């Protein structure tokens, strides 16, 4: 069984967390166990650590990517 650590904000309820887990099972298979980690610093979305592979779907990550493309001058 592969352990998956999912980082979410405290506003994510059990149904939403289950939906994230179900989506990861569809993508990576049913042989996954999940651990929930709360970090309000990610603003929204989630980060999944699957055996060291990081899948970052957090809002803060998207904002950082966007800021790289914006130049103020």
PDB file of N, CA and C in Angstrom:
ATOM      1  N   UNK A   1       0.842  -1.177   0.000  1.00  0.00           N
ATOM      2  CA  UNK A   1       0.000   0.000   0.000  1.00  0.00           C
ATOM      3  C   UNK A   1       0.888   1.241   0.000  1.00  0.00           C
ATOM      4  N   UNK A   2       0.550   2.194  -0.839  1.00  0.00           N
ATOM      5  CA  UNK A   2       1.309   3.437  -0.959  1.00  0.00           C
ATOM      6  C   UNK A   2       0.675   4.510  -0.085  1.00  0.00           C
ATOM      7  N   UNK A   3       1.502   5.139   0.741  1.00  0.00           N
ATOM      8  CA  UNK A   3       1.014   6.201   1.623  1.00  0.00           C
ATOM      9  C   UNK A   3       1.002   7.526   0.867  1.00  0.00           C
ATOM     10  N   UNK A   4      -0.098   8.248   0.974  1.00  0.00           N
ATOM     11  CA  UNK A   4      -0.252   9.547   0.342  1.00  0.00           C
ATOM     12  C   UNK A   4      -0.551  10.575   1.429  1.00  0.00           C
ATOM     13  N   UNK A   5       0.262  11.616   1.491  1.00  0.00           N
ATOM     14  CA  UNK A   5       0.005  12.712   2.426  1.00  0.00           C
ATOM     15  C   UNK A   5      -0.626  13.842   1.624  1.00  0.00           C
ATOM     16  N   UNK A   6      -1.833  14.207   2.004  1.00  0.00           N
ATOM     17  CA  UNK A   6      -2.556  15.263   1.303  1.00  0.00           C
ATOM     18  C   UNK A   6      -2.633  16.480   2.215  1.00  0.00           C
ATOM     19  N   UNK A   7      -2.085  17.590   1.732  1.00  0.00           N
ATOM     20  CA  UNK A   7      -2.125  18.842   2.469  1.00  0.00           C
ATOM     21  C   UNK A   7      -3.271  19.688   1.928  1.00  0.00           C
ATOM     22  N   UNK A   8      -4.146  20.104   2.835  1.00  0.00           N
ATOM     23  CA  UNK A   8      -5.314  20.918   2.482  1.00  0.00           C
ATOM     24  C   UNK A   8      -5.465  22.031   3.514  1.00  0.00           C
ATOM     25  N   UNK A   9      -6.367  22.964   3.249  1.00  0.00           N
ATOM     26  CA  UNK A   9      -6.662  24.001   4.233  1.00  0.00           C
ATOM     27  C   UNK A   9      -7.667  23.460   5.246  1.00  0.00           C
ATOM     28  N   UNK A  10      -7.789  24.163   6.354  1.00  0.00           N
ATOM     29  CA  UNK A  10      -8.718  23.732   7.401  1.00  0.00           C
ATOM     30  C   UNK A  10     -10.173  23.832   6.961  1.00  0.00           C
ATOM     31  N   UNK A  11     -10.432  24.564   5.879  1.00  0.00           N
ATOM     32  CA  UNK A  11     -11.814  24.712   5.405  1.00  0.00           C
ATOM     33  C   UNK A  11     -12.314  23.506   4.599  1.00  0.00           C
ATOM     34  N   UNK A  12     -11.428  22.574   4.267  1.00  0.00           N
ATOM     35  CA  UNK A  12     -11.818  21.386   3.506  1.00  0.00           C
ATOM     36  C   UNK A  12     -12.563  20.425   4.434  1.00  0.00           C
ATOM     37  N   UNK A  13     -13.800  20.103   4.053  1.00  0.00           N
ATOM     38  CA  UNK A  13     -14.592  19.191   4.887  1.00  0.00           C
ATOM     39  C   UNK A  13     -14.325  17.736   4.484  1.00  0.00           C
ATOM     40  N   UNK A  14     -14.917  16.809   5.223  1.00  0.00           N
ATOM     41  CA  UNK A  14     -14.679  15.383   4.981  1.00  0.00           C
ATOM     42  C   UNK A  14     -15.097  14.946   3.577  1.00  0.00           C
ATOM     43  N   UNK A  15     -16.200  15.471   3.086  1.00  0.00           N
ATOM     44  CA  UNK A  15     -16.689  15.110   1.748  1.00  0.00           C
ATOM     45  C   UNK A  15     -15.702  15.582   0.670  1.00  0.00           C
ATOM     46  N   UNK A  16     -15.185  16.785   0.824  1.00  0.00           N
ATOM     47  CA  UNK A  16     -14.214  17.310  -0.140  1.00  0.00           C
ATOM     48  C   UNK A  16     -12.914  16.509  -0.083  1.00  0.00           C
ATOM     49  N   UNK A  17     -12.466  16.163   1.119  1.00  0.00           N
ATOM     50  CA  UNK A  17     -11.256  15.361   1.261  1.00  0.00           C
ATOM     51  C   UNK A  17     -11.441  13.994   0.606  1.00  0.00           C
ATOM     52  N   UNK A  18     -12.597  13.386   0.797  1.00  0.00           N
ATOM     53  CA  UNK A  18     -12.892  12.092   0.174  1.00  0.00           C
ATOM     54  C   UNK A  18     -12.875  12.210  -1.342  1.00  0.00           C
ATOM     55  N   UNK A  19     -13.380  13.313  -1.872  1.00  0.00           N
ATOM     56  CA  UNK A  19     -13.387  13.544  -3.312  1.00  0.00           C
ATOM     57  C   UNK A  19     -11.961  13.624  -3.866  1.00  0.00           C
ATOM     58  N   UNK A  20     -11.072  14.295  -3.134  1.00  0.00           N
ATOM     59  CA  UNK A  20      -9.668  14.361  -3.543  1.00  0.00           C
ATOM     60  C   UNK A  20      -9.069  12.956  -3.531  1.00  0.00           C
ATOM     61  N   UNK A  21      -9.310  12.207  -2.477  1.00  0.00           N
ATOM     62  CA  UNK A  21      -8.792  10.837  -2.362  1.00  0.00           C
ATOM     63  C   UNK A  21      -9.317   9.957  -3.495  1.00  0.00           C
ATOM     64  N   UNK A  22     -10.608  10.072  -3.793  1.00  0.00           N
ATOM     65  CA  UNK A  22     -11.206   9.273  -4.867  1.00  0.00           C
ATOM     66  C   UNK A  22     -10.569   9.609  -6.217  1.00  0.00           C
ATOM     67  N   UNK A  23     -10.296  10.898  -6.455  1.00  0.00           N
ATOM     68  CA  UNK A  23      -9.652  11.302  -7.700  1.00  0.00           C
ATOM     69  C   UNK A  23      -8.247  10.738  -7.815  1.00  0.00           C
ATOM     70  N   UNK A  24      -7.505  10.738  -6.716  1.00  0.00           N
ATOM     71  CA  UNK A  24      -6.161  10.172  -6.733  1.00  0.00           C
ATOM     72  C   UNK A  24      -6.204   8.663  -6.936  1.00  0.00           C
ATOM     73  N   UNK A  25      -7.199   7.990  -6.369  1.00  0.00           N
ATOM     74  CA  UNK A  25      -7.345   6.546  -6.580  1.00  0.00           C
ATOM     75  C   UNK A  25      -7.630   6.243  -8.049  1.00  0.00           C
ATOM     76  N   UNK A  26      -8.462   7.066  -8.690  1.00  0.00           N
ATOM     77  CA  UNK A  26      -8.749   6.859 -10.114  1.00  0.00           C
ATOM     78  C   UNK A  26      -7.482   7.027 -10.947  1.00  0.00           C
ATOM     79  N   UNK A  27      -6.641   7.978 -10.570  1.00  0.00           N
ATOM     80  CA  UNK A  27      -5.428   8.264 -11.339  1.00  0.00           C
ATOM     81  C   UNK A  27      -4.300   7.270 -11.050  1.00  0.00           C
ATOM     82  N   UNK A  28      -4.124   6.888  -9.781  1.00  0.00           N
ATOM     83  CA  UNK A  28      -2.968   6.090  -9.389  1.00  0.00           C
ATOM     84  C   UNK A  28      -3.297   4.673  -8.927  1.00  0.00           C
ATOM     85  N   UNK A  29      -4.570   4.324  -8.843  1.00  0.00           N
ATOM     86  CA  UNK A  29      -4.950   2.986  -8.410  1.00  0.00           C
ATOM     87  C   UNK A  29      -5.465   2.983  -6.980  1.00  0.00           C
ATOM     88  N   UNK A  30      -6.116   1.894  -6.613  1.00  0.00           N
ATOM     89  CA  UNK A  30      -6.774   1.798  -5.312  1.00  0.00           C
ATOM     90  C   UNK A  30      -5.841   1.440  -4.161  1.00  0.00           C
ATOM     91  N   UNK A  31      -4.599   1.125  -4.456  1.00  0.00           N
ATOM     92  CA  UNK A  31      -3.673   0.678  -3.419  1.00  0.00           C
ATOM     93  C   UNK A  31      -3.000   1.869  -2.722  1.00  0.00           C
ATOM     94  N   UNK A  32      -3.826   2.802  -2.223  1.00  0.00           N
ATOM     95  CA  UNK A  32      -3.336   4.007  -1.577  1.00  0.00           C
ATOM     96  C   UNK A  32      -3.938   4.140  -0.184  1.00  0.00           C
ATOM     97  N   UNK A  33      -3.136   4.631   0.753  1.00  0.00           N
ATOM     98  CA  UNK A  33      -3.666   5.003   2.071  1.00  0.00           C
ATOM     99  C   UNK A  33      -3.401   6.497   2.237  1.00  0.00           C
ATOM    100  N   UNK A  34      -4.322   7.197   2.873  1.00  0.00           N
ATOM    101  CA  UNK A  34      -4.261   8.649   2.925  1.00  0.00           C
ATOM    102  C   UNK A  34      -4.075   9.185   4.333  1.00  0.00           C
ATOM    103  N   UNK A  35      -3.263  10.244   4.407  1.00  0.00           N
ATOM    104  CA  UNK A  35      -3.087  10.984   5.644  1.00  0.00           C
ATOM    105  C   UNK A  35      -3.371  12.450   5.330  1.00  0.00           C
ATOM    106  N   UNK A  36      -4.159  13.080   6.173  1.00  0.00           N
ATOM    107  CA  UNK A  36      -4.532  14.476   5.970  1.00  0.00           C
ATOM    108  C   UNK A  36      -3.622  15.383   6.793  1.00  0.00           C
ATOM    109  N   UNK A  37      -3.089  16.405   6.140  1.00  0.00           N
ATOM    110  CA  UNK A  37      -2.252  17.405   6.789  1.00  0.00           C
ATOM    111  C   UNK A  37      -2.897  18.768   6.511  1.00  0.00           C
ATOM    112  N   UNK A  38      -3.024  19.612   7.518  1.00  0.00           N
ATOM    113  CA  UNK A  38      -3.678  20.910   7.354  1.00  0.00           C
ATOM    114  C   UNK A  38      -2.640  22.026   7.356  1.00  0.00           C
ATOM    115  N   UNK A  39      -2.722  22.882   6.321  1.00  0.00           N
ATOM    116  CA  UNK A  39      -1.844  24.048   6.208  1.00  0.00           C
ATOM    117  C   UNK A  39      -2.626  25.154   5.507  1.00  0.00           C
ATOM    118  N   UNK A  40      -3.087  26.140   6.272  1.00  0.00           N
ATOM    119  CA  UNK A  40      -3.861  27.223   5.677  1.00  0.00           C
ATOM    120  C   UNK A  40      -3.002  28.140   4.801  1.00  0.00           C
ATOM    121  N   UNK A  41      -1.706  27.975   4.836  1.00  0.00           N
ATOM    122  CA  UNK A  41      -0.811  28.762   4.001  1.00  0.00           C
ATOM    123  C   UNK A  41      -0.924  28.459   2.520  1.00  0.00           C
ATOM    124  N   UNK A  42      -1.514  27.319   2.167  1.00  0.00           N
ATOM    125  CA  UNK A  42      -1.650  26.991   0.744  1.00  0.00           C
ATOM    126  C   UNK A  42      -2.867  27.685   0.127  1.00  0.00           C
ATOM    127  N   UNK A  43      -3.645  28.369   0.927  1.00  0.00           N
ATOM    128  CA  UNK A  43      -4.819  29.168   0.561  1.00  0.00           C
ATOM    129  C   UNK A  43      -5.995  28.312   0.111  1.00  0.00           C
ATOM    130  N   UNK A  44      -5.786  27.367  -0.762  1.00  0.00           N
ATOM    131  CA  UNK A  44      -6.848  26.498  -1.267  1.00  0.00           C
ATOM    132  C   UNK A  44      -6.223  25.414  -2.128  1.00  0.00           C
ATOM    133  N   UNK A  45      -7.052  24.534  -2.663  1.00  0.00           N
ATOM    134  CA  UNK A  45      -6.538  23.422  -3.440  1.00  0.00           C
ATOM    135  C   UNK A  45      -5.909  22.384  -2.522  1.00  0.00           C
ATOM    136  N   UNK A  46      -4.935  21.643  -3.055  1.00  0.00           N
ATOM    137  CA  UNK A  46      -4.263  20.620  -2.246  1.00  0.00           C
ATOM    138  C   UNK A  46      -2.882  20.332  -2.788  1.00  0.00           C
ATOM    139  N   UNK A  47      -2.072  19.709  -1.955  1.00  0.00           N
ATOM    140  CA  UNK A  47      -0.773  19.183  -2.349  1.00  0.00           C
ATOM    141  C   UNK A  47      -0.766  17.714  -1.945  1.00  0.00           C
ATOM    142  N   UNK A  48      -0.423  16.840  -2.881  1.00  0.00           N
ATOM    143  CA  UNK A  48      -0.357  15.408  -2.592  1.00  0.00           C
ATOM    144  C   UNK A  48       1.089  14.940  -2.699  1.00  0.00           C
ATOM    145  N   UNK A  49       1.571  14.282  -1.663  1.00  0.00           N
ATOM    146  CA  UNK A  49       2.897  13.680  -1.645  1.00  0.00           C
ATOM    147  C   UNK A  49       2.701  12.169  -1.735  1.00  0.00           C
ATOM    148  N   UNK A  50       3.025  11.630  -2.906  1.00  0.00           N
ATOM    149  CA  UNK A  50       2.855  10.200  -3.145  1.00  0.00           C
ATOM    150  C   UNK A  50       4.241   9.580  -3.266  1.00  0.00           C
ATOM    151  N   UNK A  51       4.683   8.984  -2.177  1.00  0.00           N
ATOM    152  CA  UNK A  51       6.013   8.355  -2.135  1.00  0.00           C
ATOM    153  C   UNK A  51       7.110   9.298  -2.609  1.00  0.00           C
ATOM    154  N   UNK A  52       7.033  10.554  -2.207  1.00  0.00           N
ATOM    155  CA  UNK A  52       8.064  11.513  -2.563  1.00  0.00           C
ATOM    156  C   UNK A  52       7.802  12.299  -3.833  1.00  0.00           C
ATOM    157  N   UNK A  53       6.841  11.857  -4.638  1.00  0.00           N
ATOM    158  CA  UNK A  53       6.442  12.621  -5.823  1.00  0.00           C
ATOM    159  C   UNK A  53       5.385  13.628  -5.387  1.00  0.00           C
ATOM    160  N   UNK A  54       5.622  14.906  -5.668  1.00  0.00           N
ATOM    161  CA  UNK A  54       4.732  15.970  -5.221  1.00  0.00           C
ATOM    162  C   UNK A  54       3.842  16.419  -6.370  1.00  0.00           C
ATOM    163  N   UNK A  55       2.537  16.434  -6.117  1.00  0.00           N
ATOM    164  CA  UNK A  55       1.543  16.939  -7.063  1.00  0.00           C
ATOM    165  C   UNK A  55       0.908  18.150  -6.400  1.00  0.00           C
ATOM    166  N   UNK A  56       1.262  19.330  -6.911  1.00  0.00           N
ATOM    167  CA  UNK A  56       0.874  20.582  -6.268  1.00  0.00           C
ATOM    168  C   UNK A  56      -0.253  21.250  -7.042  1.00  0.00           C
ATOM    169  N   UNK A  57      -1.451  21.179  -6.491  1.00  0.00           N
ATOM    170  CA  UNK A  57      -2.624  21.833  -7.067  1.00  0.00           C
ATOM    171  C   UNK A  57      -3.134  22.906  -6.101  1.00  0.00           C
ATOM    172  N   UNK A  58      -2.190  23.540  -5.395  1.00  0.00           N
ATOM    173  CA  UNK A  58      -2.575  24.555  -4.415  1.00  0.00           C
ATOM    174  C   UNK A  58      -2.708  25.922  -5.074  1.00  0.00           C
ATOM    175  N   UNK A  59      -3.502  26.772  -4.469  1.00  0.00           N
ATOM    176  CA  UNK A  59      -3.683  28.128  -4.968  1.00  0.00           C
ATOM    177  C   UNK A  59      -2.380  28.917  -4.852  1.00  0.00           C
ATOM    178  N   UNK A  60      -1.660  28.764  -3.749  1.00  0.00           N
ATOM    179  CA  UNK A  60      -0.423  29.510  -3.564  1.00  0.00           C
ATOM    180  C   UNK A  60       0.587  29.162  -4.649  1.00  0.00           C
ATOM    181  N   UNK A  61       0.648  27.919  -5.059  1.00  0.00           N
ATOM    182  CA  UNK A  61       1.558  27.505  -6.122  1.00  0.00           C
ATOM    183  C   UNK A  61       1.159  28.156  -7.448  1.00  0.00           C
ATOM    184  N   UNK A  62      -0.127  28.191  -7.722  1.00  0.00           N
ATOM    185  CA  UNK A  62      -0.611  28.814  -8.960  1.00  0.00           C
ATOM    186  C   UNK A  62      -0.315  30.311  -8.961  1.00  0.00           C
ATOM    187  N   UNK A  63      -0.476  30.964  -7.809  1.00  0.00           N
ATOM    188  CA  UNK A  63      -0.172  32.389  -7.714  1.00  0.00           C
ATOM    189  C   UNK A  63       1.315  32.651  -7.947  1.00  0.00           C
ATOM    190  N   UNK A  64       2.168  31.794  -7.407  1.00  0.00           N
ATOM    191  CA  UNK A  64       3.609  31.953  -7.602  1.00  0.00           C
ATOM    192  C   UNK A  64       3.981  31.789  -9.076  1.00  0.00           C
ATOM    193  N   UNK A  65       3.364  30.827  -9.748  1.00  0.00           N
ATOM    194  CA  UNK A  65       3.626  30.629 -11.177  1.00  0.00           C
ATOM    195  C   UNK A  65       3.181  31.844 -11.974  1.00  0.00           C
ATOM    196  N   UNK A  66       2.016  32.392 -11.637  1.00  0.00           N
ATOM    197  CA  UNK A  66       1.513  33.569 -12.337  1.00  0.00           C
ATOM    198  C   UNK A  66       2.407  34.775 -12.113  1.00  0.00           C
ATOM    199  N   UNK A  67       2.915  34.930 -10.918  1.00  0.00           N
ATOM    200  CA  UNK A  67       3.746  36.097 -10.609  1.00  0.00           C
ATOM    201  C   UNK A  67       5.050  36.090 -11.412  1.00  0.00           C
ATOM    202  N   UNK A  68       5.525  34.911 -11.799  1.00  0.00           N
ATOM    203  CA  UNK A  68       6.713  34.814 -12.626  1.00  0.00           C
ATOM    204  C   UNK A  68       6.474  35.370 -14.028  1.00  0.00           C
ATOM    205  N   UNK A  69       5.225  35.343 -14.475  1.00  0.00           N
ATOM    206  CA  UNK A  69       4.883  35.795 -15.820  1.00  0.00           C
ATOM    207  C   UNK A  69       4.469  37.259 -15.863  1.00  0.00           C
ATOM    208  N   UNK A  70       4.330  37.862 -14.724  1.00  0.00           N
ATOM    209  CA  UNK A  70       3.914  39.270 -14.661  1.00  0.00           C
ATOM    210  C   UNK A  70       5.144  40.126 -14.388  1.00  0.00           C
ATOM    211  N   UNK A  71       5.332  41.101 -15.235  1.00  0.00           N
ATOM    212  CA  UNK A  71       6.452  42.012 -14.972  1.00  0.00           C
ATOM    213  C   UNK A  71       5.882  43.415 -14.765  1.00  0.00           C
ATOM    214  N   UNK A  72       6.379  44.074 -13.749  1.00  0.00           N
ATOM    215  CA  UNK A  72       5.939  45.431 -13.447  1.00  0.00           C
ATOM    216  C   UNK A  72       7.055  46.358 -13.889  1.00  0.00           C
ATOM    217  N   UNK A  73       6.749  47.302 -14.693  1.00  0.00           N
ATOM    218  CA  UNK A  73       7.817  48.177 -15.146  1.00  0.00           C
ATOM    219  C   UNK A  73       7.266  49.357 -15.737  1.00  0.00           C
TER     220      UNK A  73
END
